[in-house]
């Protein structure tokens, strides 16, 4: 139970996404022999918390990543909108916060 609570407090999806975004913005953070860049497909698969971090960080990313990031964020907004229409029993704070963020930044 303690591990589950700790993971929820840390926000694993957001943490992983932020680490990947930081490495895409600053390639010096990549370990020797590592590959810099951002795997948008992977990050987009992480869920609502990841979409929120990606949306907030979008303007700091290298310009060559923006078309793929924009497409991923539009897909996330569509999915989150569909999820939000499922009714109150499926409501989730994380999804709602991500949807609000995506709408506020123009997606």
PDB file of N, CA and C in Angstrom:
ATOM      1  N   UNK A   1       0.818  -1.182   0.000  1.00  0.00           N
ATOM      2  CA  UNK A   1       0.000   0.000   0.000  1.00  0.00           C
ATOM      3  C   UNK A   1       0.872   1.260   0.000  1.00  0.00           C
ATOM      4  N   UNK A   2       1.946   1.238   0.764  1.00  0.00           N
ATOM      5  CA  UNK A   2       2.842   2.390   0.845  1.00  0.00           C
ATOM      6  C   UNK A   2       3.483   2.688  -0.509  1.00  0.00           C
ATOM      7  N   UNK A   3       3.828   1.645  -1.243  1.00  0.00           N
ATOM      8  CA  UNK A   3       4.434   1.839  -2.566  1.00  0.00           C
ATOM      9  C   UNK A   3       3.429   2.487  -3.512  1.00  0.00           C
ATOM     10  N   UNK A   4       2.197   2.049  -3.480  1.00  0.00           N
ATOM     11  CA  UNK A   4       1.162   2.632  -4.342  1.00  0.00           C
ATOM     12  C   UNK A   4       0.934   4.096  -4.005  1.00  0.00           C
ATOM     13  N   UNK A   5       0.904   4.420  -2.745  1.00  0.00           N
ATOM     14  CA  UNK A   5       0.713   5.813  -2.329  1.00  0.00           C
ATOM     15  C   UNK A   5       1.910   6.659  -2.768  1.00  0.00           C
ATOM     16  N   UNK A   6       3.111   6.142  -2.581  1.00  0.00           N
ATOM     17  CA  UNK A   6       4.316   6.875  -2.981  1.00  0.00           C
ATOM     18  C   UNK A   6       4.327   7.130  -4.487  1.00  0.00           C
ATOM     19  N   UNK A   7       3.963   6.133  -5.268  1.00  0.00           N
ATOM     20  CA  UNK A   7       3.928   6.297  -6.727  1.00  0.00           C
ATOM     21  C   UNK A   7       2.898   7.344  -7.143  1.00  0.00           C
ATOM     22  N   UNK A   8       1.766   7.356  -6.475  1.00  0.00           N
ATOM     23  CA  UNK A   8       0.750   8.356  -6.788  1.00  0.00           C
ATOM     24  C   UNK A   8       1.207   9.756  -6.407  1.00  0.00           C
ATOM     25  N   UNK A   9       1.915   9.886  -5.305  1.00  0.00           N
ATOM     26  CA  UNK A   9       2.402  11.199  -4.887  1.00  0.00           C
ATOM     27  C   UNK A   9       3.505  11.707  -5.809  1.00  0.00           C
ATOM     28  N   UNK A  10       4.373  10.822  -6.228  1.00  0.00           N
ATOM     29  CA  UNK A  10       5.465  11.207  -7.118  1.00  0.00           C
ATOM     30  C   UNK A  10       4.922  11.533  -8.505  1.00  0.00           C
ATOM     31  N   UNK A  11       3.938  10.796  -8.956  1.00  0.00           N
ATOM     32  CA  UNK A  11       3.414  10.991 -10.299  1.00  0.00           C
ATOM     33  C   UNK A  11       4.395  10.444 -11.323  1.00  0.00           C
ATOM     34  N   UNK A  12       4.486   9.143 -11.393  1.00  0.00           N
ATOM     35  CA  UNK A  12       5.493   8.489 -12.235  1.00  0.00           C
ATOM     36  C   UNK A  12       5.422   8.918 -13.693  1.00  0.00           C
ATOM     37  N   UNK A  13       4.221   9.038 -14.250  1.00  0.00           N
ATOM     38  CA  UNK A  13       4.089   9.440 -15.657  1.00  0.00           C
ATOM     39  C   UNK A  13       4.656  10.841 -15.869  1.00  0.00           C
ATOM     40  N   UNK A  14       4.314  11.754 -15.006  1.00  0.00           N
ATOM     41  CA  UNK A  14       4.807  13.125 -15.118  1.00  0.00           C
ATOM     42  C   UNK A  14       6.322  13.168 -14.924  1.00  0.00           C
ATOM     43  N   UNK A  15       6.825  12.395 -13.975  1.00  0.00           N
ATOM     44  CA  UNK A  15       8.265  12.375 -13.701  1.00  0.00           C
ATOM     45  C   UNK A  15       9.049  11.861 -14.908  1.00  0.00           C
ATOM     46  N   UNK A  16       8.607  10.746 -15.469  1.00  0.00           N
ATOM     47  CA  UNK A  16       9.291  10.169 -16.627  1.00  0.00           C
ATOM     48  C   UNK A  16       9.242  11.134 -17.812  1.00  0.00           C
ATOM     49  N   UNK A  17       8.090  11.728 -18.035  1.00  0.00           N
ATOM     50  CA  UNK A  17       7.954  12.671 -19.147  1.00  0.00           C
ATOM     51  C   UNK A  17       8.850  13.880 -18.946  1.00  0.00           C
ATOM     52  N   UNK A  18       8.879  14.422 -17.737  1.00  0.00           N
ATOM     53  CA  UNK A  18       9.716  15.593 -17.478  1.00  0.00           C
ATOM     54  C   UNK A  18      11.186  15.273 -17.699  1.00  0.00           C
ATOM     55  N   UNK A  19      11.617  14.087 -17.290  1.00  0.00           N
ATOM     56  CA  UNK A  19      13.014  13.689 -17.506  1.00  0.00           C
ATOM     57  C   UNK A  19      13.332  13.607 -19.001  1.00  0.00           C
ATOM     58  N   UNK A  20      12.405  13.032 -19.782  1.00  0.00           N
ATOM     59  CA  UNK A  20      12.602  12.933 -21.227  1.00  0.00           C
ATOM     60  C   UNK A  20      12.600  14.298 -21.890  1.00  0.00           C
ATOM     61  N   UNK A  21      11.705  15.168 -21.469  1.00  0.00           N
ATOM     62  CA  UNK A  21      11.640  16.528 -22.020  1.00  0.00           C
ATOM     63  C   UNK A  21      12.918  17.283 -21.680  1.00  0.00           C
ATOM     64  N   UNK A  22      13.372  17.169 -20.446  1.00  0.00           N
ATOM     65  CA  UNK A  22      14.606  17.852 -20.042  1.00  0.00           C
ATOM     66  C   UNK A  22      15.788  17.410 -20.901  1.00  0.00           C
ATOM     67  N   UNK A  23      15.845  16.127 -21.216  1.00  0.00           N
ATOM     68  CA  UNK A  23      16.948  15.618 -22.056  1.00  0.00           C
ATOM     69  C   UNK A  23      16.820  16.093 -23.499  1.00  0.00           C
ATOM     70  N   UNK A  24      15.592  16.274 -23.966  1.00  0.00           N
ATOM     71  CA  UNK A  24      15.402  16.783 -25.329  1.00  0.00           C
ATOM     72  C   UNK A  24      15.784  18.256 -25.408  1.00  0.00           C
ATOM     73  N   UNK A  25      15.500  18.995 -24.349  1.00  0.00           N
ATOM     74  CA  UNK A  25      15.838  20.423 -24.320  1.00  0.00           C
ATOM     75  C   UNK A  25      17.336  20.617 -24.127  1.00  0.00           C
ATOM     76  N   UNK A  26      17.935  19.817 -23.258  1.00  0.00           N
ATOM     77  CA  UNK A  26      19.353  19.940 -22.950  1.00  0.00           C
ATOM     78  C   UNK A  26      20.051  18.592 -23.172  1.00  0.00           C
ATOM     79  N   UNK A  27      20.566  18.365 -24.377  1.00  0.00           N
ATOM     80  CA  UNK A  27      21.217  17.074 -24.680  1.00  0.00           C
ATOM     81  C   UNK A  27      22.421  16.750 -23.789  1.00  0.00           C
ATOM     82  N   UNK A  28      22.962  17.748 -23.094  1.00  0.00           N
ATOM     83  CA  UNK A  28      24.087  17.477 -22.180  1.00  0.00           C
ATOM     84  C   UNK A  28      23.675  16.572 -21.021  1.00  0.00           C
ATOM     85  N   UNK A  29      22.370  16.444 -20.767  1.00  0.00           N
ATOM     86  CA  UNK A  29      21.882  15.583 -19.688  1.00  0.00           C
ATOM     87  C   UNK A  29      21.884  14.108 -20.074  1.00  0.00           C
ATOM     88  N   UNK A  30      22.056  13.824 -21.357  1.00  0.00           N
ATOM     89  CA  UNK A  30      22.067  12.437 -21.833  1.00  0.00           C
ATOM     90  C   UNK A  30      23.415  11.810 -21.492  1.00  0.00           C
ATOM     91  N   UNK A  31      23.380  10.621 -20.951  1.00  0.00           N
ATOM     92  CA  UNK A  31      24.609   9.916 -20.583  1.00  0.00           C
ATOM     93  C   UNK A  31      25.453   9.638 -21.826  1.00  0.00           C
ATOM     94  N   UNK A  32      26.735   9.492 -21.624  1.00  0.00           N
ATOM     95  CA  UNK A  32      27.651   9.185 -22.719  1.00  0.00           C
ATOM     96  C   UNK A  32      27.172   7.937 -23.452  1.00  0.00           C
ATOM     97  N   UNK A  33      27.100   8.012 -24.759  1.00  0.00           N
ATOM     98  CA  UNK A  33      26.641   6.893 -25.567  1.00  0.00           C
ATOM     99  C   UNK A  33      25.131   6.822 -25.701  1.00  0.00           C
ATOM    100  N   UNK A  34      24.419   7.704 -25.017  1.00  0.00           N
ATOM    101  CA  UNK A  34      22.961   7.719 -25.094  1.00  0.00           C
ATOM    102  C   UNK A  34      22.472   8.479 -26.311  1.00  0.00           C
ATOM    103  N   UNK A  35      21.196   8.401 -26.552  1.00  0.00           N
ATOM    104  CA  UNK A  35      20.591   9.056 -27.707  1.00  0.00           C
ATOM    105  C   UNK A  35      19.722  10.207 -27.208  1.00  0.00           C
ATOM    106  N   UNK A  36      19.990  11.401 -27.738  1.00  0.00           N
ATOM    107  CA  UNK A  36      19.170  12.546 -27.344  1.00  0.00           C
ATOM    108  C   UNK A  36      17.936  12.610 -28.237  1.00  0.00           C
ATOM    109  N   UNK A  37      17.006  13.424 -27.856  1.00  0.00           N
ATOM    110  CA  UNK A  37      15.754  13.544 -28.596  1.00  0.00           C
ATOM    111  C   UNK A  37      14.594  13.200 -27.686  1.00  0.00           C
ATOM    112  N   UNK A  38      13.422  13.088 -28.272  1.00  0.00           N
ATOM    113  CA  UNK A  38      12.226  12.798 -27.494  1.00  0.00           C
ATOM    114  C   UNK A  38      11.380  11.800 -28.259  1.00  0.00           C
ATOM    115  N   UNK A  39      11.086  10.683 -27.636  1.00  0.00           N
ATOM    116  CA  UNK A  39      10.221   9.673 -28.225  1.00  0.00           C
ATOM    117  C   UNK A  39       8.778  10.055 -27.895  1.00  0.00           C
ATOM    118  N   UNK A  40       8.181  10.859 -28.762  1.00  0.00           N
ATOM    119  CA  UNK A  40       6.847  11.393 -28.514  1.00  0.00           C
ATOM    120  C   UNK A  40       5.811  10.282 -28.451  1.00  0.00           C
ATOM    121  N   UNK A  41       5.958   9.256 -29.262  1.00  0.00           N
ATOM    122  CA  UNK A  41       5.008   8.137 -29.223  1.00  0.00           C
ATOM    123  C   UNK A  41       5.017   7.475 -27.850  1.00  0.00           C
ATOM    124  N   UNK A  42       6.210   7.261 -27.304  1.00  0.00           N
ATOM    125  CA  UNK A  42       6.312   6.650 -25.982  1.00  0.00           C
ATOM    126  C   UNK A  42       5.719   7.563 -24.908  1.00  0.00           C
ATOM    127  N   UNK A  43       6.120   8.821 -24.926  1.00  0.00           N
ATOM    128  CA  UNK A  43       5.643   9.763 -23.920  1.00  0.00           C
ATOM    129  C   UNK A  43       4.126   9.911 -24.007  1.00  0.00           C
ATOM    130  N   UNK A  44       3.593   9.931 -25.222  1.00  0.00           N
ATOM    131  CA  UNK A  44       2.145  10.060 -25.397  1.00  0.00           C
ATOM    132  C   UNK A  44       1.396   8.845 -24.876  1.00  0.00           C
ATOM    133  N   UNK A  45       2.053   7.703 -24.861  1.00  0.00           N
ATOM    134  CA  UNK A  45       1.402   6.485 -24.373  1.00  0.00           C
ATOM    135  C   UNK A  45       1.297   6.443 -22.851  1.00  0.00           C
ATOM    136  N   UNK A  46       1.986   7.346 -22.169  1.00  0.00           N
ATOM    137  CA  UNK A  46       2.008   7.318 -20.711  1.00  0.00           C
ATOM    138  C   UNK A  46       0.728   7.816 -20.062  1.00  0.00           C
ATOM    139  N   UNK A  47      -0.031   8.649 -20.739  1.00  0.00           N
ATOM    140  CA  UNK A  47      -1.312   9.067 -20.182  1.00  0.00           C
ATOM    141  C   UNK A  47      -1.437  10.547 -19.909  1.00  0.00           C
ATOM    142  N   UNK A  48      -2.435  10.868 -19.101  1.00  0.00           N
ATOM    143  CA  UNK A  48      -2.843  12.253 -18.876  1.00  0.00           C
ATOM    144  C   UNK A  48      -1.750  13.096 -18.224  1.00  0.00           C
ATOM    145  N   UNK A  49      -1.089  12.571 -17.223  1.00  0.00           N
ATOM    146  CA  UNK A  49      -0.043  13.348 -16.556  1.00  0.00           C
ATOM    147  C   UNK A  49       1.099  13.675 -17.517  1.00  0.00           C
ATOM    148  N   UNK A  50       1.405  12.742 -18.392  1.00  0.00           N
ATOM    149  CA  UNK A  50       2.452  12.971 -19.380  1.00  0.00           C
ATOM    150  C   UNK A  50       2.023  14.036 -20.390  1.00  0.00           C
ATOM    151  N   UNK A  51       0.781  13.986 -20.824  1.00  0.00           N
ATOM    152  CA  UNK A  51       0.281  14.978 -21.778  1.00  0.00           C
ATOM    153  C   UNK A  51       0.346  16.375 -21.183  1.00  0.00           C
ATOM    154  N   UNK A  52       0.030  16.481 -19.911  1.00  0.00           N
ATOM    155  CA  UNK A  52       0.068  17.776 -19.236  1.00  0.00           C
ATOM    156  C   UNK A  52       1.489  18.336 -19.208  1.00  0.00           C
ATOM    157  N   UNK A  53       2.463  17.524 -18.848  1.00  0.00           N
ATOM    158  CA  UNK A  53       3.861  17.963 -18.816  1.00  0.00           C
ATOM    159  C   UNK A  53       4.329  18.353 -20.210  1.00  0.00           C
ATOM    160  N   UNK A  54       3.974  17.552 -21.198  1.00  0.00           N
ATOM    161  CA  UNK A  54       4.380  17.833 -22.570  1.00  0.00           C
ATOM    162  C   UNK A  54       3.777  19.145 -23.061  1.00  0.00           C
ATOM    163  N   UNK A  55       2.515  19.402 -22.734  1.00  0.00           N
ATOM    164  CA  UNK A  55       1.855  20.641 -23.152  1.00  0.00           C
ATOM    165  C   UNK A  55       2.511  21.864 -22.515  1.00  0.00           C
ATOM    166  N   UNK A  56       2.832  21.758 -21.245  1.00  0.00           N
ATOM    167  CA  UNK A  56       3.442  22.880 -20.534  1.00  0.00           C
ATOM    168  C   UNK A  56       4.870  23.133 -21.037  1.00  0.00           C
ATOM    169  N   UNK A  57       5.571  22.088 -21.452  1.00  0.00           N
ATOM    170  CA  UNK A  57       6.968  22.192 -21.885  1.00  0.00           C
ATOM    171  C   UNK A  57       7.126  22.439 -23.378  1.00  0.00           C
ATOM    172  N   UNK A  58       6.049  22.388 -24.123  1.00  0.00           N
ATOM    173  CA  UNK A  58       6.091  22.422 -25.583  1.00  0.00           C
ATOM    174  C   UNK A  58       6.945  23.558 -26.145  1.00  0.00           C
ATOM    175  N   UNK A  59       6.798  24.758 -25.633  1.00  0.00           N
ATOM    176  CA  UNK A  59       7.495  25.916 -26.199  1.00  0.00           C
ATOM    177  C   UNK A  59       9.000  25.888 -25.963  1.00  0.00           C
ATOM    178  N   UNK A  60       9.470  25.036 -25.088  1.00  0.00           N
ATOM    179  CA  UNK A  60      10.905  24.930 -24.826  1.00  0.00           C
ATOM    180  C   UNK A  60      11.581  23.837 -25.643  1.00  0.00           C
ATOM    181  N   UNK A  61      10.787  23.038 -26.338  1.00  0.00           N
ATOM    182  CA  UNK A  61      11.338  21.915 -27.103  1.00  0.00           C
ATOM    183  C   UNK A  61      11.968  22.395 -28.412  1.00  0.00           C
ATOM    184  N   UNK A  62      12.905  21.629 -28.952  1.00  0.00           N
ATOM    185  CA  UNK A  62      13.488  21.970 -30.244  1.00  0.00           C
ATOM    186  C   UNK A  62      12.406  22.021 -31.331  1.00  0.00           C
ATOM    187  N   UNK A  63      12.535  22.952 -32.248  1.00  0.00           N
ATOM    188  CA  UNK A  63      11.500  23.193 -33.258  1.00  0.00           C
ATOM    189  C   UNK A  63      11.234  21.978 -34.142  1.00  0.00           C
ATOM    190  N   UNK A  64      12.222  21.130 -34.361  1.00  0.00           N
ATOM    191  CA  UNK A  64      11.998  19.957 -35.219  1.00  0.00           C
ATOM    192  C   UNK A  64      11.060  18.939 -34.571  1.00  0.00           C
ATOM    193  N   UNK A  65      10.878  19.018 -33.265  1.00  0.00           N
ATOM    194  CA  UNK A  65       9.972  18.098 -32.574  1.00  0.00           C
ATOM    195  C   UNK A  65       8.526  18.594 -32.540  1.00  0.00           C
ATOM    196  N   UNK A  66       8.322  19.864 -32.778  1.00  0.00           N
ATOM    197  CA  UNK A  66       7.004  20.460 -32.576  1.00  0.00           C
ATOM    198  C   UNK A  66       5.881  19.847 -33.405  1.00  0.00           C
ATOM    199  N   UNK A  67       6.074  19.538 -34.687  1.00  0.00           N
ATOM    200  CA  UNK A  67       4.959  18.926 -35.424  1.00  0.00           C
ATOM    201  C   UNK A  67       4.498  17.593 -34.824  1.00  0.00           C
ATOM    202  N   UNK A  68       5.438  16.769 -34.389  1.00  0.00           N
ATOM    203  CA  UNK A  68       5.092  15.476 -33.802  1.00  0.00           C
ATOM    204  C   UNK A  68       4.465  15.676 -32.419  1.00  0.00           C
ATOM    205  N   UNK A  69       5.002  16.605 -31.650  1.00  0.00           N
ATOM    206  CA  UNK A  69       4.458  16.903 -30.325  1.00  0.00           C
ATOM    207  C   UNK A  69       3.033  17.436 -30.459  1.00  0.00           C
ATOM    208  N   UNK A  70       2.827  18.361 -31.406  1.00  0.00           N
ATOM    209  CA  UNK A  70       1.492  18.920 -31.614  1.00  0.00           C
ATOM    210  C   UNK A  70       0.479  17.839 -31.986  1.00  0.00           C
ATOM    211  N   UNK A  71       0.891  16.938 -32.856  1.00  0.00           N
ATOM    212  CA  UNK A  71      -0.010  15.849 -33.245  1.00  0.00           C
ATOM    213  C   UNK A  71      -0.332  14.962 -32.044  1.00  0.00           C
ATOM    214  N   UNK A  72       0.664  14.652 -31.237  1.00  0.00           N
ATOM    215  CA  UNK A  72       0.444  13.835 -30.047  1.00  0.00           C
ATOM    216  C   UNK A  72      -0.469  14.519 -29.042  1.00  0.00           C
ATOM    217  N   UNK A  73      -0.302  15.828 -28.887  1.00  0.00           N
ATOM    218  CA  UNK A  73      -1.143  16.565 -27.942  1.00  0.00           C
ATOM    219  C   UNK A  73      -2.575  16.701 -28.448  1.00  0.00           C
ATOM    220  N   UNK A  74      -2.746  16.837 -29.745  1.00  0.00           N
ATOM    221  CA  UNK A  74      -4.114  16.873 -30.291  1.00  0.00           C
ATOM    222  C   UNK A  74      -4.799  15.528 -30.074  1.00  0.00           C
ATOM    223  N   UNK A  75      -4.077  14.447 -30.310  1.00  0.00           N
ATOM    224  CA  UNK A  75      -4.635  13.112 -30.062  1.00  0.00           C
ATOM    225  C   UNK A  75      -4.998  12.946 -28.584  1.00  0.00           C
ATOM    226  N   UNK A  76      -4.126  13.435 -27.710  1.00  0.00           N
ATOM    227  CA  UNK A  76      -4.397  13.337 -26.273  1.00  0.00           C
ATOM    228  C   UNK A  76      -5.637  14.134 -25.910  1.00  0.00           C
ATOM    229  N   UNK A  77      -5.780  15.322 -26.487  1.00  0.00           N
ATOM    230  CA  UNK A  77      -6.959  16.129 -26.165  1.00  0.00           C
ATOM    231  C   UNK A  77      -8.238  15.433 -26.623  1.00  0.00           C
ATOM    232  N   UNK A  78      -8.206  14.857 -27.819  1.00  0.00           N
ATOM    233  CA  UNK A  78      -9.381  14.142 -28.325  1.00  0.00           C
ATOM    234  C   UNK A  78      -9.732  12.988 -27.388  1.00  0.00           C
ATOM    235  N   UNK A  79      -8.735  12.197 -27.002  1.00  0.00           N
ATOM    236  CA  UNK A  79      -8.989  11.057 -26.123  1.00  0.00           C
ATOM    237  C   UNK A  79      -9.482  11.505 -24.755  1.00  0.00           C
ATOM    238  N   UNK A  80      -8.882  12.548 -24.219  1.00  0.00           N
ATOM    239  CA  UNK A  80      -9.314  13.041 -22.909  1.00  0.00           C
ATOM    240  C   UNK A  80     -10.725  13.608 -22.963  1.00  0.00           C
ATOM    241  N   UNK A  81     -11.082  14.230 -24.071  1.00  0.00           N
ATOM    242  CA  UNK A  81     -12.443  14.746 -24.233  1.00  0.00           C
ATOM    243  C   UNK A  81     -13.446  13.605 -24.278  1.00  0.00           C
ATOM    244  N   UNK A  82     -13.115  12.562 -25.018  1.00  0.00           N
ATOM    245  CA  UNK A  82     -13.987  11.382 -25.082  1.00  0.00           C
ATOM    246  C   UNK A  82     -14.126  10.763 -23.691  1.00  0.00           C
ATOM    247  N   UNK A  83     -13.009  10.632 -22.986  1.00  0.00           N
ATOM    248  CA  UNK A  83     -13.049  10.069 -21.635  1.00  0.00           C
ATOM    249  C   UNK A  83     -13.904  10.914 -20.705  1.00  0.00           C
ATOM    250  N   UNK A  84     -13.828  12.235 -20.845  1.00  0.00           N
ATOM    251  CA  UNK A  84     -14.590  13.135 -19.974  1.00  0.00           C
ATOM    252  C   UNK A  84     -16.090  13.022 -20.213  1.00  0.00           C
ATOM    253  N   UNK A  85     -16.467  12.586 -21.405  1.00  0.00           N
ATOM    254  CA  UNK A  85     -17.882  12.467 -21.738  1.00  0.00           C
ATOM    255  C   UNK A  85     -18.474  11.135 -21.289  1.00  0.00           C
ATOM    256  N   UNK A  86     -17.670  10.311 -20.655  1.00  0.00           N
ATOM    257  CA  UNK A  86     -18.131   8.998 -20.211  1.00  0.00           C
ATOM    258  C   UNK A  86     -19.010   9.072 -18.969  1.00  0.00           C
ATOM    259  N   UNK A  87     -19.087  10.232 -18.362  1.00  0.00           N
ATOM    260  CA  UNK A  87     -19.935  10.390 -17.182  1.00  0.00           C
ATOM    261  C   UNK A  87     -19.140  10.462 -15.902  1.00  0.00           C
ATOM    262  N   UNK A  88     -19.807  10.884 -14.845  1.00  0.00           N
ATOM    263  CA  UNK A  88     -19.131  11.103 -13.580  1.00  0.00           C
ATOM    264  C   UNK A  88     -18.509   9.856 -12.959  1.00  0.00           C
ATOM    265  N   UNK A  89     -19.028   8.650 -13.182  1.00  0.00           N
ATOM    266  CA  UNK A  89     -18.373   7.502 -12.543  1.00  0.00           C
ATOM    267  C   UNK A  89     -16.936   7.269 -13.019  1.00  0.00           C
ATOM    268  N   UNK A  90     -16.620   7.738 -14.219  1.00  0.00           N
ATOM    269  CA  UNK A  90     -15.268   7.533 -14.728  1.00  0.00           C
ATOM    270  C   UNK A  90     -14.397   8.781 -14.596  1.00  0.00           C
ATOM    271  N   UNK A  91     -14.911   9.812 -13.893  1.00  0.00           N
ATOM    272  CA  UNK A  91     -14.149  11.051 -13.743  1.00  0.00           C
ATOM    273  C   UNK A  91     -12.846  10.786 -13.014  1.00  0.00           C
ATOM    274  N   UNK A  92     -11.809  11.513 -13.423  1.00  0.00           N
ATOM    275  CA  UNK A  92     -10.483  11.338 -12.855  1.00  0.00           C
ATOM    276  C   UNK A  92      -9.822  12.710 -12.789  1.00  0.00           C
ATOM    277  N   UNK A  93      -9.311  13.080 -11.634  1.00  0.00           N
ATOM    278  CA  UNK A  93      -8.694  14.398 -11.450  1.00  0.00           C
ATOM    279  C   UNK A  93      -7.525  14.619 -12.391  1.00  0.00           C
ATOM    280  N   UNK A  94      -6.689  13.632 -12.553  1.00  0.00           N
ATOM    281  CA  UNK A  94      -5.519  13.748 -13.418  1.00  0.00           C
ATOM    282  C   UNK A  94      -5.929  14.010 -14.869  1.00  0.00           C
ATOM    283  N   UNK A  95      -6.908  13.257 -15.349  1.00  0.00           N
ATOM    284  CA  UNK A  95      -7.383  13.465 -16.729  1.00  0.00           C
ATOM    285  C   UNK A  95      -8.007  14.841 -16.884  1.00  0.00           C
ATOM    286  N   UNK A  96      -8.784  15.268 -15.906  1.00  0.00           N
ATOM    287  CA  UNK A  96      -9.424  16.572 -15.993  1.00  0.00           C
ATOM    288  C   UNK A  96      -8.388  17.692 -15.996  1.00  0.00           C
ATOM    289  N   UNK A  97      -7.382  17.561 -15.152  1.00  0.00           N
ATOM    290  CA  UNK A  97      -6.323  18.569 -15.099  1.00  0.00           C
ATOM    291  C   UNK A  97      -5.557  18.627 -16.426  1.00  0.00           C
ATOM    292  N   UNK A  98      -5.284  17.471 -17.010  1.00  0.00           N
ATOM    293  CA  UNK A  98      -4.597  17.439 -18.307  1.00  0.00           C
ATOM    294  C   UNK A  98      -5.464  18.060 -19.392  1.00  0.00           C
ATOM    295  N   UNK A  99      -6.741  17.736 -19.410  1.00  0.00           N
ATOM    296  CA  UNK A  99      -7.652  18.310 -20.401  1.00  0.00           C
ATOM    297  C   UNK A  99      -7.728  19.823 -20.251  1.00  0.00           C
ATOM    298  N   UNK A 100      -7.845  20.307 -19.031  1.00  0.00           N
ATOM    299  CA  UNK A 100      -7.883  21.751 -18.793  1.00  0.00           C
ATOM    300  C   UNK A 100      -6.601  22.427 -19.281  1.00  0.00           C
ATOM    301  N   UNK A 101      -5.465  21.791 -19.039  1.00  0.00           N
ATOM    302  CA  UNK A 101      -4.173  22.348 -19.483  1.00  0.00           C
ATOM    303  C   UNK A 101      -4.108  22.380 -21.008  1.00  0.00           C
ATOM    304  N   UNK A 102      -4.500  21.283 -21.652  1.00  0.00           N
ATOM    305  CA  UNK A 102      -4.450  21.240 -23.115  1.00  0.00           C
ATOM    306  C   UNK A 102      -5.352  22.303 -23.732  1.00  0.00           C
ATOM    307  N   UNK A 103      -6.525  22.491 -23.169  1.00  0.00           N
ATOM    308  CA  UNK A 103      -7.439  23.515 -23.681  1.00  0.00           C
ATOM    309  C   UNK A 103      -6.850  24.912 -23.449  1.00  0.00           C
ATOM    310  N   UNK A 104      -6.254  25.136 -22.281  1.00  0.00           N
ATOM    311  CA  UNK A 104      -5.731  26.462 -21.969  1.00  0.00           C
ATOM    312  C   UNK A 104      -4.548  26.854 -22.845  1.00  0.00           C
ATOM    313  N   UNK A 105      -3.790  25.876 -23.357  1.00  0.00           N
ATOM    314  CA  UNK A 105      -2.670  26.206 -24.231  1.00  0.00           C
ATOM    315  C   UNK A 105      -3.032  26.105 -25.715  1.00  0.00           C
ATOM    316  N   UNK A 106      -4.293  25.852 -26.002  1.00  0.00           N
ATOM    317  CA  UNK A 106      -4.764  25.950 -27.382  1.00  0.00           C
ATOM    318  C   UNK A 106      -4.963  24.660 -28.141  1.00  0.00           C
ATOM    319  N   UNK A 107      -5.095  23.540 -27.474  1.00  0.00           N
ATOM    320  CA  UNK A 107      -5.339  22.284 -28.177  1.00  0.00           C
ATOM    321  C   UNK A 107      -6.772  21.877 -28.099  1.00  0.00           C
TER     322      UNK A 107
END
